[in-house]
C-alpha atoms as a PDB file:
ATOM      1  CA  MET A   1       0.004   0.007  -0.025  1.00  0.00           C
ATOM      2  CA  GLU A   2       2.850   2.386   0.872  1.00  0.00           C
ATOM      3  CA  GLU A   3       4.264   2.169  -2.653  1.00  0.00           C
ATOM      4  CA  THR A   4       1.038   3.534  -4.201  1.00  0.00           C
ATOM      5  CA  VAL A   5       1.045   6.663  -1.997  1.00  0.00           C
ATOM      6  CA  PHE A   6       2.767   9.588  -3.649  1.00  0.00           C
ATOM      7  CA  THR A   7       5.326  11.591  -1.655  1.00  0.00           C
ATOM      8  CA  PHE A   8       7.794  14.105  -2.983  1.00  0.00           C
ATOM      9  CA  ILE A   9      10.716  12.462  -1.230  1.00  0.00           C
ATOM     10  CA  GLY A  10       9.525   9.047  -2.250  1.00  0.00           C
ATOM     11  CA  SER A  11       9.444  10.058  -5.887  1.00  0.00           C
ATOM     12  CA  ILE A  12      13.114  11.076  -5.657  1.00  0.00           C
ATOM     13  CA  LEU A  13      14.632   8.515  -3.310  1.00  0.00           C
ATOM     14  CA  GLY A  14      12.177   5.657  -3.837  1.00  0.00           C
ATOM     15  CA  HIS A  15       9.883   4.023  -1.314  1.00  0.00           C
ATOM     16  CA  GLY A  16      10.748   1.997   1.739  1.00  0.00           C
ATOM     17  CA  ALA A  17      13.711   2.806   3.940  1.00  0.00           C
ATOM     18  CA  PRO A  18      15.126   5.635   1.786  1.00  0.00           C
ATOM     19  CA  MET A  19      11.809   7.501   1.988  1.00  0.00           C
ATOM     20  CA  VAL A  20      11.615   7.111   5.763  1.00  0.00           C
ATOM     21  CA  ILE A  21      15.234   8.280   6.187  1.00  0.00           C
ATOM     22  CA  GLY A  22      14.517  11.202   3.847  1.00  0.00           C
ATOM     23  CA  HIS A  23      11.543  12.380   5.889  1.00  0.00           C
ATOM     24  CA  THR A  24      13.438  11.919   9.137  1.00  0.00           C
ATOM     25  CA  VAL A  25      16.302  14.041   7.812  1.00  0.00           C
ATOM     26  CA  LEU A  26      13.776  16.638   6.710  1.00  0.00           C
ATOM     27  CA  VAL A  27      12.276  16.776  10.191  1.00  0.00           C
ATOM     28  CA  ALA A  28      15.777  17.168  11.679  1.00  0.00           C
ATOM     29  CA  ILE A  29      16.468  20.068   9.289  1.00  0.00           C
ATOM     30  CA  ILE A  30      13.184  21.756  10.269  1.00  0.00           C
ATOM     31  CA  ILE A  31      14.046  21.442  13.967  1.00  0.00           C
ATOM     32  CA  LEU A  32      17.527  22.887  13.357  1.00  0.00           C
ATOM     33  CA  LEU A  33      15.962  25.843  11.458  1.00  0.00           C
ATOM     34  CA  VAL A  34      13.489  26.462  14.236  1.00  0.00           C
ATOM     35  CA  ALA A  35      16.286  26.388  16.816  1.00  0.00           C
ATOM     36  CA  LYS A  36      18.390  28.765  14.694  1.00  0.00           C
ATOM     37  CA  LEU A  37      15.538  31.209  14.302  1.00  0.00           C
ATOM     38  CA  ALA A  38      14.785  31.056  18.027  1.00  0.00           C
ATOM     39  CA  THR A  39      18.370  31.763  19.056  1.00  0.00           C
ATOM     40  CA  LYS A  40      19.421  34.071  16.172  1.00  0.00           C
ATOM     41  CA  LYS A  41      18.730  37.208  18.155  1.00  0.00           C
ATOM     42  CA  LEU A  42      17.980  36.760  21.835  1.00  0.00           C
ATOM     43  CA  ASP A  43      16.031  39.603  23.372  1.00  0.00           C
ATOM     44  CA  VAL A  44      15.192  40.360  27.000  1.00  0.00           C
ATOM     45  CA  VAL A  45      11.585  40.641  25.872  1.00  0.00           C
ATOM     46  CA  PRO A  46      11.156  37.614  23.640  1.00  0.00           C
ATOM     47  CA  LYS A  47       9.211  37.872  20.395  1.00  0.00           C
ATOM     48  CA  GLY A  48       8.663  35.780  17.303  1.00  0.00           C
ATOM     49  CA  MET A  49      10.219  32.319  17.302  1.00  0.00           C
ATOM     50  CA  GLN A  50      12.138  32.998  20.528  1.00  0.00           C
ATOM     51  CA  ASN A  51       8.829  33.645  22.312  1.00  0.00           C
ATOM     52  CA  ILE A  52       7.319  30.445  20.964  1.00  0.00           C
ATOM     53  CA  MET A  53      10.283  28.336  21.985  1.00  0.00           C
ATOM     54  CA  GLU A  54      10.431  29.864  25.474  1.00  0.00           C
ATOM     55  CA  LEU A  55       6.751  29.145  25.940  1.00  0.00           C
ATOM     56  CA  TYR A  56       7.333  25.560  24.751  1.00  0.00           C
ATOM     57  CA  LEU A  57      10.294  24.999  27.052  1.00  0.00           C
ATOM     58  CA  GLY A  58       8.404  26.582  29.945  1.00  0.00           C
ATOM     59  CA  GLY A  59       5.508  24.220  29.318  1.00  0.00           C
ATOM     60  CA  VAL A  60       7.787  21.151  29.212  1.00  0.00           C
ATOM     61  CA  LEU A  61       9.474  22.323  32.422  1.00  0.00           C
ATOM     62  CA  SER A  62       6.143  22.807  34.132  1.00  0.00           C
ATOM     63  CA  MET A  63       5.056  19.351  33.036  1.00  0.00           C
ATOM     64  CA  GLY A  64       8.238  17.867  34.435  1.00  0.00           C
ATOM     65  CA  LYS A  65       7.877  19.659  37.780  1.00  0.00           C
ATOM     66  CA  ASP A  66       4.504  18.061  38.330  1.00  0.00           C
ATOM     67  CA  VAL A  67       5.911  14.578  37.637  1.00  0.00           C
ATOM     68  CA  VAL A  68       9.512  14.483  38.816  1.00  0.00           C
ATOM     69  CA  GLY A  69      10.094  17.706  40.725  1.00  0.00           C
ATOM     70  CA  GLU A  70      11.930  20.872  39.676  1.00  0.00           C
ATOM     71  CA  LYS A  71      15.485  19.520  40.111  1.00  0.00           C
ATOM     72  CA  TYR A  72      15.035  16.545  37.769  1.00  0.00           C
ATOM     73  CA  ALA A  73      12.652  18.438  35.502  1.00  0.00           C
ATOM     74  CA  ARG A  74      15.484  20.832  34.651  1.00  0.00           C
ATOM     75  CA  LYS A  75      17.987  18.029  34.382  1.00  0.00           C
ATOM     76  CA  TYR A  76      15.921  16.065  31.843  1.00  0.00           C
ATOM     77  CA  LEU A  77      14.477  19.100  30.038  1.00  0.00           C
ATOM     78  CA  PRO A  78      16.899  18.857  27.057  1.00  0.00           C
ATOM     79  CA  LEU A  79      16.053  15.184  26.505  1.00  0.00           C
ATOM     80  CA  VAL A  80      12.237  15.534  26.844  1.00  0.00           C
ATOM     81  CA  ALA A  81      12.063  18.802  24.875  1.00  0.00           C
ATOM     82  CA  THR A  82      14.151  17.367  22.025  1.00  0.00           C
ATOM     83  CA  ILE A  83      11.999  14.258  21.851  1.00  0.00           C
ATOM     84  CA  GLY A  84       8.930  16.458  21.887  1.00  0.00           C
ATOM     85  CA  LEU A  85      10.151  18.579  18.948  1.00  0.00           C
ATOM     86  CA  PHE A  86      11.075  15.531  16.920  1.00  0.00           C
ATOM     87  CA  VAL A  87       7.805  13.704  17.571  1.00  0.00           C
ATOM     88  CA  PHE A  88       5.683  16.802  16.984  1.00  0.00           C
ATOM     89  CA  PHE A  89       7.201  17.757  13.660  1.00  0.00           C
ATOM     90  CA  SER A  90       7.324  14.104  12.569  1.00  0.00           C
ATOM     91  CA  ASN A  91       3.588  13.783  13.333  1.00  0.00           C
ATOM     92  CA  LEU A  92       2.717  17.087  11.759  1.00  0.00           C
ATOM     93  CA  ILE A  93       4.578  16.688   8.488  1.00  0.00           C
ATOM     94  CA  GLY A  94       2.393  13.745   7.550  1.00  0.00           C
ATOM     95  CA  ILE A  95      -0.680  15.985   7.550  1.00  0.00           C
ATOM     96  CA  ILE A  96       0.774  17.923   4.558  1.00  0.00           C
ATOM     97  CA  PRO A  97      -0.155  16.135   1.320  1.00  0.00           C
ATOM     98  CA  GLY A  98       2.930  14.772  -0.422  1.00  0.00           C
ATOM     99  CA  PHE A  99       4.780  13.983   2.785  1.00  0.00           C
ATOM    100  CA  GLU A 100       4.704  11.085   5.261  1.00  0.00           C
ATOM    101  CA  SER A 101       5.197  11.077   8.980  1.00  0.00           C
ATOM    102  CA  PRO A 102       8.405   9.314  10.099  1.00  0.00           C
ATOM    103  CA  THR A 103       6.559   8.328  13.257  1.00  0.00           C
ATOM    104  CA  ALA A 104       4.107   6.357  11.072  1.00  0.00           C
ATOM    105  CA  ASN A 105       6.918   3.828  10.691  1.00  0.00           C
ATOM    106  CA  ILE A 106       7.756   1.415  13.487  1.00  0.00           C
ATOM    107  CA  ASN A 107      11.487   1.607  12.584  1.00  0.00           C
ATOM    108  CA  VAL A 108      11.416   5.205  13.880  1.00  0.00           C
ATOM    109  CA  THR A 109       9.191   4.904  16.946  1.00  0.00           C
ATOM    110  CA  LEU A 110      10.903   1.729  18.212  1.00  0.00           C
ATOM    111  CA  PRO A 111      14.394   3.310  18.466  1.00  0.00           C
ATOM    112  CA  LEU A 112      12.790   6.302  20.230  1.00  0.00           C
ATOM    113  CA  ALA A 113      11.166   3.984  22.762  1.00  0.00           C
ATOM    114  CA  LEU A 114      14.399   2.025  23.212  1.00  0.00           C
ATOM    115  CA  ALA A 115      16.359   5.225  23.797  1.00  0.00           C
ATOM    116  CA  VAL A 116      13.939   6.239  26.572  1.00  0.00           C
ATOM    117  CA  PHE A 117      13.968   2.717  28.014  1.00  0.00           C
ATOM    118  CA  PHE A 118      17.763   2.434  28.239  1.00  0.00           C
ATOM    119  CA  TYR A 119      18.198   6.023  29.413  1.00  0.00           C
ATOM    120  CA  TYR A 120      15.751   5.888  32.336  1.00  0.00           C
ATOM    121  CA  ASN A 121      17.214   2.539  33.476  1.00  0.00           C
ATOM    122  CA  TYR A 122      20.710   3.991  33.174  1.00  0.00           C
ATOM    123  CA  GLU A 123      19.664   7.016  35.288  1.00  0.00           C
ATOM    124  CA  GLY A 124      18.033   4.720  37.848  1.00  0.00           C
ATOM    125  CA  ILE A 125      21.128   2.560  38.180  1.00  0.00           C
ATOM    126  CA  LYS A 126      23.380   5.633  38.297  1.00  0.00           C
ATOM    127  CA  LYS A 127      21.281   7.273  41.020  1.00  0.00           C
ATOM    128  CA  ASN A 128      20.505   4.242  43.177  1.00  0.00           C
ATOM    129  CA  GLY A 129      23.194   1.649  42.331  1.00  0.00           C
ATOM    130  CA  VAL A 130      22.664  -1.678  40.532  1.00  0.00           C
ATOM    131  CA  VAL A 131      21.691  -3.715  43.610  1.00  0.00           C
ATOM    132  CA  HIS A 132      19.284  -1.180  45.124  1.00  0.00           C
ATOM    133  CA  TYR A 133      17.723  -0.363  41.773  1.00  0.00           C
ATOM    134  CA  PHE A 134      16.881  -3.957  40.884  1.00  0.00           C
ATOM    135  CA  ALA A 135      16.000  -4.742  44.521  1.00  0.00           C
ATOM    136  CA  HIS A 136      13.161  -2.284  44.017  1.00  0.00           C
ATOM    137  CA  PHE A 137      11.738  -4.687  41.380  1.00  0.00           C
ATOM    138  CA  MET A 138      11.202  -7.321  44.057  1.00  0.00           C
ATOM    139  CA  GLY A 139       8.440  -5.491  45.877  1.00  0.00           C
ATOM    140  CA  PRO A 140       8.047  -4.536  49.528  1.00  0.00           C
ATOM    141  CA  VAL A 141       7.594  -8.102  50.795  1.00  0.00           C
ATOM    142  CA  PRO A 142      10.651 -10.443  50.455  1.00  0.00           C
ATOM    143  CA  ALA A 143       8.474 -13.504  50.279  1.00  0.00           C
ATOM    144  CA  LEU A 144       6.867 -12.273  47.085  1.00  0.00           C
ATOM    145  CA  ALA A 145      10.194 -11.373  45.389  1.00  0.00           C
ATOM    146  CA  PRO A 146      10.252 -14.547  43.142  1.00  0.00           C
ATOM    147  CA  LEU A 147       6.843 -13.530  41.835  1.00  0.00           C
ATOM    148  CA  MET A 148       7.250  -9.728  41.716  1.00  0.00           C
ATOM    149  CA  PHE A 149      10.672  -9.602  40.003  1.00  0.00           C
ATOM    150  CA  PRO A 150       9.689 -11.320  36.708  1.00  0.00           C
ATOM    151  CA  ILE A 151       6.433  -9.298  36.676  1.00  0.00           C
ATOM    152  CA  GLU A 152       8.394  -6.060  37.041  1.00  0.00           C
ATOM    153  CA  ILE A 153      10.799  -7.099  34.278  1.00  0.00           C
ATOM    154  CA  VAL A 154       7.938  -7.883  31.885  1.00  0.00           C
ATOM    155  CA  SER A 155       6.246  -4.632  32.928  1.00  0.00           C
ATOM    156  CA  HIS A 156       9.368  -2.573  32.082  1.00  0.00           C
ATOM    157  CA  ILE A 157       9.869  -4.328  28.772  1.00  0.00           C
ATOM    158  CA  SER A 158       6.240  -3.786  27.861  1.00  0.00           C
ATOM    159  CA  ARG A 159       6.923  -0.025  28.077  1.00  0.00           C
ATOM    160  CA  ILE A 160       8.963  -0.327  24.901  1.00  0.00           C
ATOM    161  CA  ILE A 161       5.987  -1.814  23.125  1.00  0.00           C
ATOM    162  CA  SER A 162       3.574   0.699  24.676  1.00  0.00           C
ATOM    163  CA  LEU A 163       5.659   3.764  23.692  1.00  0.00           C
ATOM    164  CA  SER A 164       6.517   2.610  20.150  1.00  0.00           C
ATOM    165  CA  PHE A 165       3.291   0.961  19.053  1.00  0.00           C
ATOM    166  CA  ARG A 166       0.975   3.585  20.525  1.00  0.00           C
ATOM    167  CA  LEU A 167       2.738   6.374  18.596  1.00  0.00           C
ATOM    168  CA  PHE A 168       3.206   4.299  15.467  1.00  0.00           C
ATOM    169  CA  GLY A 169      -0.363   2.997  15.435  1.00  0.00           C
ATOM    170  CA  ASN A 170      -2.026   6.363  15.990  1.00  0.00           C
ATOM    171  CA  ILE A 171      -0.003   8.282  13.455  1.00  0.00           C
ATOM    172  CA  LYS A 172      -0.176   5.525  10.832  1.00  0.00           C
ATOM    173  CA  GLY A 173      -3.918   5.390  11.249  1.00  0.00           C
ATOM    174  CA  ASP A 174      -4.144   9.196  10.895  1.00  0.00           C
ATOM    175  CA  ASP A 175      -2.045   9.139   7.736  1.00  0.00           C
ATOM    176  CA  LEU A 176      -4.201   6.427   6.153  1.00  0.00           C
ATOM    177  CA  PHE A 177      -7.400   8.246   7.180  1.00  0.00           C
ATOM    178  CA  LEU A 178      -6.214  11.460   5.528  1.00  0.00           C
ATOM    179  CA  TRP A 179      -5.073   9.620   2.421  1.00  0.00           C
ATOM    180  CA  VAL A 180      -8.453   7.929   1.920  1.00  0.00           C
ATOM    181  CA  LEU A 181     -10.281  11.203   2.715  1.00  0.00           C
ATOM    182  CA  LEU A 182      -8.334  13.154   0.084  1.00  0.00           C
ATOM    183  CA  MET A 183      -9.115  10.453  -2.490  1.00  0.00           C
ATOM    184  CA  LEU A 184     -12.869  10.573  -1.835  1.00  0.00           C
ATOM    185  CA  THR A 185     -13.543  14.281  -1.215  1.00  0.00           C
ATOM    186  CA  PRO A 186     -12.517  17.660  -2.663  1.00  0.00           C
ATOM    187  CA  TRP A 187      -9.692  19.497  -0.934  1.00  0.00           C
ATOM    188  CA  ILE A 188     -11.924  22.002   0.810  1.00  0.00           C
ATOM    189  CA  ILE A 189     -13.973  19.406   2.747  1.00  0.00           C
ATOM    190  CA  PRO A 190     -11.086  17.877   4.798  1.00  0.00           C
ATOM    191  CA  LEU A 191     -10.411  21.175   6.611  1.00  0.00           C
ATOM    192  CA  VAL A 192     -12.078  19.961   9.769  1.00  0.00           C
ATOM    193  CA  PRO A 193     -10.193  16.596   9.674  1.00  0.00           C
ATOM    194  CA  PHE A 194      -7.011  18.577   9.187  1.00  0.00           C
ATOM    195  CA  ALA A 195      -7.658  20.389  12.471  1.00  0.00           C
ATOM    196  CA  MET A 196      -8.481  17.083  14.156  1.00  0.00           C
ATOM    197  CA  LEU A 197      -5.276  15.431  12.903  1.00  0.00           C
ATOM    198  CA  THR A 198      -3.234  18.433  14.092  1.00  0.00           C
ATOM    199  CA  PHE A 199      -4.776  18.018  17.535  1.00  0.00           C
ATOM    200  CA  MET A 200      -3.909  14.291  17.455  1.00  0.00           C
ATOM    201  CA  ALA A 201      -0.323  15.147  16.527  1.00  0.00           C
ATOM    202  CA  VAL A 202      -0.045  17.414  19.529  1.00  0.00           C
ATOM    203  CA  LEU A 203      -1.732  14.887  21.815  1.00  0.00           C
ATOM    204  CA  GLN A 204       0.539  12.009  20.821  1.00  0.00           C
ATOM    205  CA  THR A 205       3.564  14.269  21.386  1.00  0.00           C
ATOM    206  CA  PHE A 206       2.303  15.188  24.859  1.00  0.00           C
ATOM    207  CA  ILE A 207       1.703  11.525  25.751  1.00  0.00           C
ATOM    208  CA  PHE A 208       5.185  10.462  24.670  1.00  0.00           C
ATOM    209  CA  MET A 209       6.808  13.303  26.639  1.00  0.00           C
ATOM    210  CA  ILE A 210       4.784  12.789  29.855  1.00  0.00           C
ATOM    211  CA  LEU A 211       5.479   9.083  29.790  1.00  0.00           C
ATOM    212  CA  THR A 212       9.178   9.773  29.452  1.00  0.00           C
ATOM    213  CA  TYR A 213       9.016  11.969  32.537  1.00  0.00           C
ATOM    214  CA  VAL A 214       6.971   9.318  34.409  1.00  0.00           C
ATOM    215  CA  TYR A 215       9.424   6.535  33.628  1.00  0.00           C
ATOM    216  CA  LEU A 216      12.348   8.764  34.705  1.00  0.00           C
ATOM    217  CA  ALA A 217      10.545   9.654  37.920  1.00  0.00           C
ATOM    218  CA  GLY A 218       9.990   5.936  38.747  1.00  0.00           C
ATOM    219  CA  ALA A 219      13.684   5.249  38.167  1.00  0.00           C
ATOM    220  CA  VAL A 220      15.345   8.113  40.109  1.00  0.00           C
ATOM    221  CA  LEU A 221      12.912   8.901  42.908  1.00  0.00           C
ATOM    222  CA  MET A 222      13.074   5.607  44.803  1.00  0.00           C
ATOM    223  CA  ASP A 223      15.314   7.034  47.562  1.00  0.00           C
ATOM    224  CA  GLU A 224      13.151  10.108  47.869  1.00  0.00           C
ATOM    225  CA  GLU A 225      10.092   7.928  48.375  1.00  0.00           C
ATOM    226  CA  HIS A 226      11.958   5.899  51.040  1.00  0.00           C
ATOM    227  CA  GLU A 227      13.105   9.037  52.833  1.00  0.00           C
ATOM    228  CA  HIS A 228       9.639  10.471  52.695  1.00  0.00           C
ATOM    229  CA  ASN A 229       8.216   7.322  54.285  1.00  0.00           C
ATOM    230  CA  GLU A 230      10.881   7.394  56.993  1.00  0.00           C
ATOM    231  CA  GLU A 231      10.150  11.061  57.711  1.00  0.00           C
ATOM    232  CA  THR A 232       6.474  10.294  58.008  1.00  0.00           C
ATOM    233  CA  VAL A 233       7.117   7.509  60.503  1.00  0.00           C
ATOM    234  CA  VAL A 234       9.415   9.761  62.584  1.00  0.00           C
ATOM    235  CA  GLU A 235       6.820  12.524  62.593  1.00  0.00           C
ATOM    236  CA  GLU A 236       4.096  10.098  63.731  1.00  0.00           C
ATOM    237  CA  MET A 237       6.296   8.786  66.527  1.00  0.00           C
ATOM    238  CA  ALA A 238       7.159  12.299  67.639  1.00  0.00           C
ATOM    239  CA  GLU A 239       3.423  13.235  67.742  1.00  0.00           C
ATOM    240  CA  LYS A 240       2.649  10.147  69.818  1.00  0.00           C
ATOM    241  CA  ALA A 241       5.510  10.947  72.192  1.00  0.00           C
ATOM    242  CA  THR A 242       4.252  14.511  72.630  1.00  0.00           C
ATOM    243  CA  ILE A 243       0.771  13.228  73.412  1.00  0.00           C
END
């Protein structure tokens, strides 16, 4: 089916992997141009592209603060913001007739999901140590460790499938929907579906970004949760002693 769909890049490079690579490179160029425009002339009072990018980065930071706290939100801002830009423009470019979303291909979404998977596990091991990090997989009750550990491993691996196939499936479905719609109706009629597909592109970007923050929070905040529980116990004991 993909070979019958016209794309400008596909007509030059051919279909299959070259077309996907071509669209991915195009998205990377667009992101670099946006970054260049945003940083070309930095003003105290932002305007134009600088204002848009500052609003975007502020939104990503605010999202991260709610999930992982300000300290880690700032630390992981470059990663999550970069992923957000790539996923957004990859989703959005497929709405333009003659182009195809790189994220409509599992060979693009799967490496993205793997990058998030390996990075949050790396951060968790770096922060907590190998033994303590994987000990967290065994649950709070030692007797249940033989049952909980394989369940946790499968749960973490399933995140790769969840991240990659959710994004791939939704964007691929949107691209096919738009393709069929343009074949059956005049160009003026799909204006409402265009708006809907743009909303879906933003929504899928937000989901990928928030899940990245959530997975990072689960990996690096284990000690904070433990300390919080200890502080709560100490406070309760102090209150009882006072009474």
